N, C-alpha and C. Protein backbone atom coordinates (compact mmCIF):
# COMPACT_ATOMS: atom_id res chain seq x y z
N UNK A 1 -99.23 -79.50 -52.93
CA UNK A 1 -98.76 -80.64 -53.28
C UNK A 1 -97.34 -81.05 -52.73
N UNK A 2 -97.23 -82.13 -52.17
CA UNK A 2 -95.92 -82.48 -51.54
C UNK A 2 -95.31 -83.49 -52.55
N UNK A 3 -93.99 -83.26 -52.75
CA UNK A 3 -93.23 -84.16 -53.44
C UNK A 3 -92.00 -84.38 -52.96
N UNK A 4 -91.20 -85.68 -53.39
CA UNK A 4 -90.16 -86.06 -52.75
C UNK A 4 -88.99 -85.60 -53.83
N UNK A 5 -87.92 -84.97 -53.45
CA UNK A 5 -86.74 -84.71 -54.32
C UNK A 5 -85.46 -85.68 -53.89
N UNK A 6 -84.71 -86.24 -54.73
CA UNK A 6 -83.76 -87.13 -54.48
C UNK A 6 -82.50 -86.42 -54.86
N UNK A 7 -81.44 -86.39 -54.09
CA UNK A 7 -80.11 -85.77 -54.56
C UNK A 7 -79.46 -86.96 -55.21
N UNK A 8 -78.84 -86.47 -56.43
CA UNK A 8 -78.23 -87.26 -57.48
C UNK A 8 -76.92 -87.89 -56.70
N UNK A 9 -76.29 -87.08 -55.85
CA UNK A 9 -75.00 -87.44 -55.26
C UNK A 9 -75.03 -88.41 -54.02
N UNK A 10 -76.00 -88.08 -53.16
CA UNK A 10 -76.02 -88.95 -51.91
C UNK A 10 -77.34 -89.76 -51.58
N UNK A 11 -78.41 -89.47 -52.63
CA UNK A 11 -79.67 -90.21 -52.48
C UNK A 11 -80.52 -89.66 -51.41
N UNK A 12 -80.25 -88.48 -50.79
CA UNK A 12 -81.13 -87.87 -49.81
C UNK A 12 -82.42 -87.64 -50.36
N UNK A 13 -83.50 -88.04 -49.70
CA UNK A 13 -84.88 -87.58 -50.06
C UNK A 13 -85.41 -86.47 -49.18
N UNK A 14 -85.83 -85.55 -49.84
CA UNK A 14 -86.36 -84.27 -49.16
C UNK A 14 -87.71 -84.24 -49.45
N UNK A 15 -88.67 -83.88 -48.50
CA UNK A 15 -90.03 -83.52 -48.79
C UNK A 15 -90.13 -82.21 -48.79
N UNK A 16 -90.81 -81.69 -49.95
CA UNK A 16 -90.93 -80.33 -50.01
C UNK A 16 -92.39 -79.95 -50.46
N UNK A 17 -92.81 -78.83 -50.25
CA UNK A 17 -94.13 -78.53 -50.41
C UNK A 17 -94.11 -77.36 -51.50
N UNK A 18 -94.34 -77.88 -52.78
CA UNK A 18 -94.14 -76.82 -54.08
C UNK A 18 -95.25 -75.74 -53.84
N UNK A 19 -96.40 -75.99 -53.37
CA UNK A 19 -97.39 -75.01 -53.60
C UNK A 19 -97.35 -73.96 -52.69
N UNK A 20 -96.57 -74.01 -51.54
CA UNK A 20 -96.34 -72.93 -50.60
C UNK A 20 -95.21 -72.13 -51.16
N UNK A 21 -94.27 -72.82 -51.87
CA UNK A 21 -93.23 -72.17 -52.42
C UNK A 21 -93.79 -71.30 -53.59
N UNK A 22 -94.58 -71.89 -54.40
CA UNK A 22 -95.11 -71.01 -55.50
C UNK A 22 -95.97 -69.75 -54.94
N UNK A 23 -96.79 -70.13 -53.77
CA UNK A 23 -97.48 -69.02 -53.41
C UNK A 23 -96.54 -67.76 -52.85
N UNK A 24 -95.53 -68.09 -52.28
CA UNK A 24 -94.43 -67.02 -51.79
C UNK A 24 -93.74 -66.40 -53.10
N UNK A 25 -93.50 -67.19 -54.14
CA UNK A 25 -92.72 -66.70 -55.31
C UNK A 25 -93.59 -65.75 -56.20
N UNK A 26 -94.86 -66.17 -56.38
CA UNK A 26 -95.58 -65.36 -57.35
C UNK A 26 -95.77 -63.93 -57.02
N UNK A 27 -96.18 -63.67 -55.80
CA UNK A 27 -96.30 -62.13 -55.54
C UNK A 27 -94.86 -61.48 -55.67
N UNK A 28 -93.77 -62.14 -55.16
CA UNK A 28 -92.54 -61.57 -55.38
C UNK A 28 -91.92 -61.52 -56.86
N UNK A 29 -92.32 -62.38 -57.72
CA UNK A 29 -91.96 -62.18 -58.99
C UNK A 29 -92.94 -61.19 -59.65
N UNK A 30 -94.21 -61.13 -59.21
CA UNK A 30 -95.16 -59.88 -59.77
C UNK A 30 -94.56 -58.56 -59.48
N UNK A 31 -94.10 -58.41 -58.30
CA UNK A 31 -93.53 -57.11 -57.73
C UNK A 31 -92.22 -56.76 -58.71
N UNK A 32 -91.39 -57.87 -58.79
CA UNK A 32 -90.28 -57.74 -59.76
C UNK A 32 -90.70 -57.23 -60.97
N UNK A 33 -91.53 -57.89 -61.65
CA UNK A 33 -91.94 -57.43 -62.87
C UNK A 33 -92.44 -56.00 -63.11
N UNK A 34 -93.27 -55.68 -62.04
CA UNK A 34 -93.85 -54.40 -61.96
C UNK A 34 -92.63 -53.31 -61.77
N UNK A 35 -91.67 -53.49 -61.07
CA UNK A 35 -90.61 -52.78 -60.77
C UNK A 35 -89.80 -52.55 -62.09
N UNK A 36 -89.64 -53.50 -62.92
CA UNK A 36 -88.91 -53.53 -64.25
C UNK A 36 -89.83 -52.75 -65.06
N UNK A 37 -91.13 -53.06 -65.20
CA UNK A 37 -91.81 -52.02 -66.04
C UNK A 37 -91.71 -50.59 -65.79
N UNK A 38 -91.95 -50.13 -64.42
CA UNK A 38 -91.52 -48.91 -63.87
C UNK A 38 -90.22 -48.24 -64.34
N UNK A 39 -89.10 -48.99 -64.34
CA UNK A 39 -87.89 -48.67 -64.86
C UNK A 39 -87.86 -48.42 -66.29
N UNK A 40 -88.52 -49.48 -66.92
CA UNK A 40 -88.62 -49.22 -68.38
C UNK A 40 -89.33 -48.02 -68.82
N UNK A 41 -90.47 -47.62 -68.25
CA UNK A 41 -91.20 -46.42 -68.47
C UNK A 41 -90.24 -45.12 -68.32
N UNK A 42 -89.58 -45.00 -66.93
CA UNK A 42 -88.74 -43.98 -66.78
C UNK A 42 -87.56 -43.82 -67.77
N UNK A 43 -87.14 -44.99 -68.22
CA UNK A 43 -85.94 -44.90 -69.25
C UNK A 43 -86.52 -44.47 -70.59
N UNK A 44 -87.59 -44.85 -70.89
CA UNK A 44 -88.34 -44.42 -72.16
C UNK A 44 -88.50 -42.97 -72.24
N UNK A 45 -89.01 -42.35 -71.09
CA UNK A 45 -89.34 -41.00 -70.80
C UNK A 45 -87.92 -40.25 -70.94
N UNK A 46 -86.89 -40.89 -70.33
CA UNK A 46 -85.60 -40.04 -70.53
C UNK A 46 -84.98 -40.07 -71.77
N UNK A 47 -85.31 -41.19 -72.58
CA UNK A 47 -84.84 -41.20 -73.94
C UNK A 47 -85.60 -40.37 -74.87
N UNK A 48 -86.85 -40.27 -74.53
CA UNK A 48 -87.49 -39.24 -75.45
C UNK A 48 -87.20 -37.81 -75.28
N UNK A 49 -87.03 -37.52 -73.95
CA UNK A 49 -86.24 -36.12 -73.57
C UNK A 49 -84.97 -35.90 -74.31
N UNK A 50 -84.01 -36.84 -74.18
CA UNK A 50 -82.75 -36.65 -74.70
C UNK A 50 -82.87 -36.71 -76.28
N UNK A 51 -83.75 -37.40 -76.90
CA UNK A 51 -83.87 -37.32 -78.33
C UNK A 51 -84.37 -36.10 -78.99
N UNK A 52 -85.36 -35.50 -78.15
CA UNK A 52 -85.84 -34.25 -78.46
C UNK A 52 -84.89 -33.22 -78.23
N UNK A 53 -84.05 -33.22 -77.23
CA UNK A 53 -83.02 -32.13 -77.00
C UNK A 53 -81.92 -32.35 -78.26
N UNK A 54 -81.64 -33.52 -78.43
CA UNK A 54 -80.67 -33.90 -79.51
C UNK A 54 -81.19 -33.25 -80.85
N UNK A 55 -82.34 -33.60 -81.11
CA UNK A 55 -82.98 -33.13 -82.55
C UNK A 55 -83.08 -31.64 -82.46
N UNK A 56 -83.36 -30.86 -81.43
CA UNK A 56 -83.19 -29.49 -81.41
C UNK A 56 -81.85 -28.99 -81.68
N UNK A 57 -80.85 -29.35 -81.11
CA UNK A 57 -79.66 -29.14 -81.25
C UNK A 57 -79.08 -29.29 -82.79
N UNK A 58 -79.66 -30.31 -83.38
CA UNK A 58 -79.16 -30.42 -84.73
C UNK A 58 -79.65 -29.69 -85.86
N UNK A 59 -80.88 -28.99 -85.55
CA UNK A 59 -81.65 -28.23 -86.58
C UNK A 59 -81.00 -26.85 -86.79
N UNK A 60 -80.89 -26.40 -87.96
CA UNK A 60 -80.43 -25.06 -88.29
C UNK A 60 -81.13 -24.07 -87.77
N UNK A 61 -82.45 -24.30 -87.56
CA UNK A 61 -83.28 -23.20 -86.83
C UNK A 61 -83.19 -23.06 -85.44
N UNK A 62 -82.25 -23.91 -84.76
CA UNK A 62 -82.18 -23.89 -83.43
C UNK A 62 -81.50 -22.60 -82.81
N UNK A 63 -80.73 -22.08 -83.73
CA UNK A 63 -80.13 -20.70 -83.41
C UNK A 63 -81.04 -19.54 -83.28
N UNK A 64 -82.27 -19.79 -83.74
CA UNK A 64 -83.12 -18.60 -83.95
C UNK A 64 -83.76 -18.40 -82.62
N UNK A 65 -84.02 -17.08 -82.16
CA UNK A 65 -84.74 -16.75 -81.11
C UNK A 65 -86.16 -17.21 -81.30
N UNK A 66 -87.01 -17.44 -80.16
CA UNK A 66 -88.21 -17.78 -80.29
C UNK A 66 -89.20 -16.64 -81.04
N UNK A 67 -88.67 -15.49 -80.76
CA UNK A 67 -89.36 -14.27 -81.32
C UNK A 67 -89.10 -14.12 -82.64
N UNK A 68 -87.84 -14.63 -83.24
CA UNK A 68 -87.63 -14.61 -84.74
C UNK A 68 -88.38 -15.64 -85.36
N UNK A 69 -88.26 -16.84 -84.81
CA UNK A 69 -89.21 -18.04 -85.18
C UNK A 69 -90.64 -17.73 -85.49
N UNK A 70 -91.12 -16.94 -84.36
CA UNK A 70 -92.65 -16.62 -84.28
C UNK A 70 -92.87 -15.60 -85.51
N UNK A 71 -91.99 -14.76 -85.82
CA UNK A 71 -92.10 -13.81 -86.82
C UNK A 71 -92.21 -14.64 -88.12
N UNK A 72 -91.31 -15.54 -88.31
CA UNK A 72 -91.17 -16.49 -89.51
C UNK A 72 -92.53 -17.13 -89.82
N UNK A 73 -93.10 -17.67 -88.63
CA UNK A 73 -94.34 -18.43 -88.72
C UNK A 73 -95.29 -17.55 -89.13
N UNK A 74 -95.40 -16.09 -88.36
CA UNK A 74 -96.41 -15.35 -88.75
C UNK A 74 -96.37 -15.00 -90.23
N UNK A 75 -95.15 -14.69 -90.97
CA UNK A 75 -94.94 -14.46 -92.25
C UNK A 75 -95.64 -15.58 -93.09
N UNK A 76 -95.12 -16.91 -92.73
CA UNK A 76 -95.86 -18.02 -93.62
C UNK A 76 -97.16 -18.29 -93.41
N UNK A 77 -97.89 -17.79 -92.20
CA UNK A 77 -99.28 -18.06 -92.33
C UNK A 77 -100.07 -16.93 -92.35
N UNK A 78 -99.71 -15.64 -92.42
CA UNK A 78 -100.62 -14.42 -92.53
C UNK A 78 -101.15 -14.34 -94.05
N UNK A 79 -102.55 -14.47 -94.06
CA UNK A 79 -103.21 -14.64 -95.47
C UNK A 79 -103.14 -13.02 -96.19
N UNK A 80 -103.08 -12.16 -95.33
CA UNK A 80 -102.94 -10.84 -96.02
C UNK A 80 -101.69 -10.41 -96.89
N UNK A 81 -100.58 -11.29 -96.36
CA UNK A 81 -99.32 -10.85 -97.00
C UNK A 81 -98.92 -11.89 -98.11
N UNK A 82 -99.78 -12.85 -98.53
CA UNK A 82 -99.43 -13.60 -99.62
C UNK A 82 -99.57 -12.94 -100.94
N UNK A 83 -98.57 -13.48 -101.79
CA UNK A 83 -98.66 -12.93 -103.19
C UNK A 83 -100.10 -13.44 -103.82
N UNK A 84 -100.37 -12.71 -104.83
CA UNK A 84 -101.64 -13.16 -105.36
C UNK A 84 -101.72 -14.39 -106.21
N UNK A 85 -100.29 -14.72 -106.53
CA UNK A 85 -100.30 -15.74 -107.58
C UNK A 85 -100.41 -17.26 -106.87
N UNK A 86 -100.33 -17.21 -105.45
CA UNK A 86 -100.31 -18.39 -104.84
C UNK A 86 -101.86 -18.89 -104.49
N UNK A 87 -102.09 -20.03 -104.80
CA UNK A 87 -103.49 -20.74 -104.72
C UNK A 87 -103.78 -20.63 -103.27
N UNK A 88 -105.08 -20.13 -102.93
CA UNK A 88 -105.59 -20.08 -101.66
C UNK A 88 -105.71 -21.46 -100.84
N UNK A 89 -105.82 -22.65 -101.84
CA UNK A 89 -106.00 -23.94 -101.35
C UNK A 89 -104.80 -24.68 -100.83
N UNK A 90 -103.68 -24.43 -101.55
CA UNK A 90 -102.43 -25.20 -101.31
C UNK A 90 -101.10 -24.32 -101.50
N UNK A 91 -100.36 -24.13 -100.70
CA UNK A 91 -99.25 -23.45 -100.92
C UNK A 91 -98.29 -24.27 -102.01
N UNK A 92 -97.55 -23.57 -103.06
CA UNK A 92 -96.79 -24.24 -104.03
C UNK A 92 -95.80 -25.24 -103.54
N UNK A 93 -95.17 -25.03 -102.45
CA UNK A 93 -94.05 -25.96 -101.79
C UNK A 93 -94.55 -27.10 -101.39
N UNK A 94 -95.87 -27.25 -100.95
CA UNK A 94 -96.39 -28.37 -100.47
C UNK A 94 -97.47 -29.13 -101.38
N UNK A 95 -97.49 -28.57 -102.50
CA UNK A 95 -98.53 -28.98 -103.42
C UNK A 95 -98.50 -30.58 -103.76
N UNK A 96 -97.28 -30.94 -103.62
CA UNK A 96 -97.03 -32.43 -103.84
C UNK A 96 -97.38 -33.27 -102.64
N UNK A 97 -97.44 -32.60 -101.49
CA UNK A 97 -97.71 -33.28 -100.29
C UNK A 97 -99.37 -33.32 -99.88
N UNK A 98 -99.97 -32.31 -100.01
CA UNK A 98 -101.17 -32.06 -99.81
C UNK A 98 -102.37 -32.43 -100.95
N UNK A 99 -103.11 -33.13 -100.96
CA UNK A 99 -104.18 -33.50 -102.09
C UNK A 99 -105.02 -32.24 -102.02
N UNK A 100 -105.45 -31.64 -103.07
CA UNK A 100 -106.22 -30.51 -103.06
C UNK A 100 -107.49 -30.54 -102.57
N UNK A 101 -107.95 -31.86 -102.31
CA UNK A 101 -109.38 -32.06 -101.87
C UNK A 101 -109.25 -32.09 -100.39
N UNK A 102 -108.19 -32.22 -99.77
CA UNK A 102 -107.98 -32.25 -98.23
C UNK A 102 -107.97 -30.82 -97.74
N UNK A 103 -108.37 -30.58 -96.39
CA UNK A 103 -108.09 -29.34 -95.87
C UNK A 103 -107.01 -28.98 -95.50
N UNK A 104 -106.65 -27.77 -95.55
CA UNK A 104 -104.98 -27.21 -95.32
C UNK A 104 -105.16 -26.07 -94.30
N UNK A 105 -104.40 -26.26 -93.28
CA UNK A 105 -104.18 -25.28 -92.41
C UNK A 105 -102.66 -25.07 -91.86
N UNK A 106 -102.15 -23.98 -92.38
CA UNK A 106 -100.68 -23.76 -92.18
C UNK A 106 -100.19 -23.93 -90.87
N UNK A 107 -100.94 -23.43 -89.83
CA UNK A 107 -100.40 -23.48 -88.59
C UNK A 107 -100.26 -24.94 -87.97
N UNK A 108 -101.11 -25.84 -88.40
CA UNK A 108 -101.11 -27.17 -88.07
C UNK A 108 -99.97 -27.84 -88.75
N UNK A 109 -99.89 -27.49 -90.03
CA UNK A 109 -98.66 -28.20 -90.80
C UNK A 109 -97.32 -27.63 -90.14
N UNK A 110 -97.27 -26.31 -89.80
CA UNK A 110 -95.91 -25.82 -89.35
C UNK A 110 -95.67 -26.37 -87.86
N UNK A 111 -96.72 -26.56 -86.98
CA UNK A 111 -96.83 -27.01 -85.79
C UNK A 111 -96.21 -28.53 -85.68
N UNK A 112 -96.35 -29.19 -86.85
CA UNK A 112 -96.16 -30.65 -86.91
C UNK A 112 -94.73 -30.81 -87.36
N UNK A 113 -93.87 -29.77 -87.68
CA UNK A 113 -92.42 -29.91 -88.04
C UNK A 113 -91.58 -30.35 -86.88
N UNK A 114 -91.71 -29.87 -85.79
CA UNK A 114 -90.94 -30.30 -84.59
C UNK A 114 -91.70 -29.69 -83.29
N UNK A 115 -91.31 -30.26 -82.29
CA UNK A 115 -91.91 -29.81 -80.86
C UNK A 115 -91.65 -28.31 -80.69
N UNK A 116 -90.57 -27.84 -81.12
CA UNK A 116 -90.03 -26.37 -80.77
C UNK A 116 -90.98 -25.44 -81.63
N UNK A 117 -91.12 -25.94 -82.82
CA UNK A 117 -92.03 -25.06 -83.76
C UNK A 117 -93.58 -25.10 -83.21
N UNK A 118 -93.88 -26.15 -82.68
CA UNK A 118 -95.28 -26.38 -82.07
C UNK A 118 -95.47 -25.53 -80.79
N UNK A 119 -94.32 -25.46 -80.04
CA UNK A 119 -94.46 -24.78 -78.89
C UNK A 119 -94.47 -23.32 -79.17
N UNK A 120 -93.60 -22.80 -80.03
CA UNK A 120 -93.60 -21.42 -80.48
C UNK A 120 -94.89 -21.02 -80.99
N UNK A 121 -95.43 -21.85 -81.93
CA UNK A 121 -96.65 -21.63 -82.59
C UNK A 121 -97.88 -21.51 -81.64
N UNK A 122 -97.88 -22.51 -80.78
CA UNK A 122 -99.14 -22.61 -79.82
C UNK A 122 -99.03 -21.70 -78.73
N UNK A 123 -97.76 -21.05 -78.55
CA UNK A 123 -97.75 -20.03 -77.47
C UNK A 123 -97.65 -18.48 -77.99
N UNK A 124 -97.94 -18.32 -79.31
CA UNK A 124 -97.97 -17.06 -79.88
C UNK A 124 -99.33 -16.80 -80.38
N UNK A 125 -100.25 -15.98 -79.37
CA UNK A 125 -101.50 -15.71 -79.81
C UNK A 125 -101.66 -14.88 -81.22
N UNK A 126 -100.76 -14.16 -81.57
CA UNK A 126 -101.06 -13.37 -82.63
C UNK A 126 -101.22 -14.15 -84.01
N UNK A 127 -100.39 -15.48 -83.96
CA UNK A 127 -100.62 -16.33 -85.02
C UNK A 127 -102.11 -16.81 -85.23
N UNK A 128 -102.81 -16.87 -84.20
CA UNK A 128 -103.99 -17.47 -84.24
C UNK A 128 -105.20 -16.42 -84.27
N UNK A 129 -104.83 -15.32 -84.71
CA UNK A 129 -105.87 -14.02 -84.54
C UNK A 129 -106.63 -13.95 -85.74
N UNK A 130 -106.15 -14.64 -86.86
CA UNK A 130 -106.90 -14.55 -88.05
C UNK A 130 -107.25 -15.95 -88.54
N UNK A 131 -108.62 -16.17 -88.63
CA UNK A 131 -109.14 -17.38 -89.07
C UNK A 131 -109.96 -17.24 -90.32
N UNK A 132 -109.45 -18.18 -91.25
CA UNK A 132 -110.14 -18.14 -92.50
C UNK A 132 -110.98 -19.51 -92.78
N UNK A 133 -112.20 -19.11 -92.96
CA UNK A 133 -113.05 -20.45 -93.15
C UNK A 133 -113.65 -20.40 -94.66
N UNK A 134 -113.38 -21.51 -95.37
CA UNK A 134 -114.08 -21.63 -96.59
C UNK A 134 -115.14 -22.36 -96.59
N UNK A 135 -116.28 -21.76 -96.93
CA UNK A 135 -117.73 -22.53 -96.81
C UNK A 135 -117.71 -23.26 -98.17
N UNK A 136 -117.05 -22.93 -99.18
CA UNK A 136 -117.10 -23.74 -100.43
C UNK A 136 -116.23 -25.08 -100.28
N UNK A 137 -115.71 -25.21 -99.29
CA UNK A 137 -114.76 -26.54 -99.10
C UNK A 137 -115.79 -27.72 -99.07
N UNK A 138 -115.25 -28.76 -99.94
CA UNK A 138 -116.11 -29.89 -100.17
C UNK A 138 -115.83 -31.17 -99.38
N UNK A 139 -114.71 -31.05 -98.71
CA UNK A 139 -114.14 -32.29 -97.94
C UNK A 139 -114.87 -32.58 -96.59
N UNK A 140 -114.33 -33.48 -95.84
CA UNK A 140 -114.91 -33.76 -94.49
C UNK A 140 -114.98 -32.44 -93.67
N UNK A 141 -116.08 -32.23 -92.93
CA UNK A 141 -116.18 -31.01 -92.16
C UNK A 141 -115.72 -30.97 -90.82
N UNK A 142 -115.25 -32.30 -90.33
CA UNK A 142 -114.92 -32.44 -88.87
C UNK A 142 -113.65 -31.27 -88.56
N UNK A 143 -112.85 -31.21 -89.67
CA UNK A 143 -111.55 -30.38 -89.58
C UNK A 143 -112.27 -28.77 -89.46
N UNK A 144 -113.11 -28.59 -90.22
CA UNK A 144 -113.70 -27.18 -90.27
C UNK A 144 -114.44 -26.76 -89.09
N UNK A 145 -115.03 -27.88 -88.36
CA UNK A 145 -115.85 -27.64 -87.07
C UNK A 145 -114.79 -27.35 -85.82
N UNK A 146 -113.67 -28.18 -85.78
CA UNK A 146 -112.78 -28.21 -84.70
C UNK A 146 -111.77 -27.04 -84.66
N UNK A 147 -111.55 -26.77 -86.02
CA UNK A 147 -110.54 -25.56 -86.31
C UNK A 147 -110.77 -24.38 -85.42
N UNK A 148 -111.95 -23.83 -85.50
CA UNK A 148 -112.31 -22.59 -84.93
C UNK A 148 -112.07 -22.57 -83.41
N UNK A 149 -112.22 -23.67 -82.66
CA UNK A 149 -112.11 -23.90 -81.39
C UNK A 149 -110.55 -23.88 -81.28
N UNK A 150 -109.68 -24.33 -81.89
CA UNK A 150 -108.31 -24.32 -81.61
C UNK A 150 -107.79 -22.78 -81.71
N UNK A 151 -108.47 -22.16 -82.72
CA UNK A 151 -107.84 -20.70 -82.95
C UNK A 151 -108.49 -19.81 -81.72
N UNK A 152 -109.59 -20.14 -81.31
CA UNK A 152 -110.31 -19.31 -80.22
C UNK A 152 -109.52 -19.48 -78.89
N UNK A 153 -108.95 -20.76 -78.58
CA UNK A 153 -108.19 -21.24 -77.50
C UNK A 153 -106.92 -20.67 -77.52
N UNK A 154 -106.05 -20.69 -78.72
CA UNK A 154 -104.81 -20.34 -78.87
C UNK A 154 -104.57 -18.83 -79.04
N UNK A 155 -105.57 -18.21 -79.38
CA UNK A 155 -105.42 -16.72 -79.62
C UNK A 155 -105.64 -15.87 -78.26
N UNK A 156 -106.23 -16.66 -77.27
CA UNK A 156 -106.25 -16.22 -76.03
C UNK A 156 -106.97 -14.87 -76.04
N UNK A 157 -106.55 -13.70 -75.54
CA UNK A 157 -107.22 -12.53 -75.42
C UNK A 157 -107.13 -11.76 -76.67
N UNK A 158 -106.24 -12.21 -77.54
CA UNK A 158 -105.95 -11.31 -78.81
C UNK A 158 -107.25 -11.03 -79.71
N UNK A 159 -107.40 -10.09 -80.28
CA UNK A 159 -108.68 -9.75 -81.06
C UNK A 159 -108.75 -10.60 -82.36
N UNK A 160 -109.79 -11.05 -82.59
CA UNK A 160 -109.85 -12.15 -83.73
C UNK A 160 -110.32 -11.36 -84.97
N UNK A 161 -109.88 -11.85 -86.01
CA UNK A 161 -110.48 -11.53 -87.55
C UNK A 161 -110.71 -12.88 -88.14
N UNK A 162 -112.10 -12.79 -88.54
CA UNK A 162 -112.73 -14.01 -89.12
C UNK A 162 -113.12 -13.66 -90.39
N UNK A 163 -112.44 -14.42 -91.20
CA UNK A 163 -112.68 -14.34 -92.79
C UNK A 163 -113.52 -15.63 -93.38
N UNK A 164 -114.55 -15.12 -93.91
CA UNK A 164 -115.48 -16.43 -94.45
C UNK A 164 -115.61 -16.26 -95.79
N UNK A 165 -115.29 -17.41 -96.82
CA UNK A 165 -115.49 -17.29 -98.08
C UNK A 165 -116.63 -18.17 -98.43
N UNK A 166 -117.53 -17.30 -98.84
CA UNK A 166 -119.00 -18.00 -99.34
C UNK A 166 -119.33 -17.67 -100.61
N UNK A 167 -118.38 -17.40 -101.57
CA UNK A 167 -118.56 -17.07 -102.90
C UNK A 167 -119.38 -17.89 -103.66
N UNK A 168 -119.41 -19.30 -103.22
CA UNK A 168 -120.13 -20.36 -104.04
C UNK A 168 -121.68 -20.13 -103.92
N UNK A 169 -122.09 -19.37 -102.79
CA UNK A 169 -123.45 -19.25 -102.32
C UNK A 169 -124.07 -17.80 -102.74
């Protein structure tokens, strides 16, 4: 499309081809938008990394060695060391957080606390060496089915102990 532009000062009439200008500008602007998107993604990744590092520095458990944290997680999840007055379904400290009809897996809950706890839990095969399955469980079974796979993967070459509660049957 050809149009004439008139200068307000001197009245000069210029003939320009706007369609060719647009054809040149569109790819250039598209590239610029893509570059901005790329920079935005890199900045978001840097922000996430910095936030993770800052959060790790702020926690009181950050001073613990991974081995000590692993031992604490083992104590918190080992079914053999639990006092007999604690319910097998829900630990008392999380009773207000977890519905008794929902499935409870201590390692998944502890791994959700922060990225460091998750990294330590997922890289400590001994934590995954005891799997307790409750066949009397009435809730949705997708958790029961996918859970053994997680235990087998994370336990690596650690010998497994599998406890099955089938008292109802």
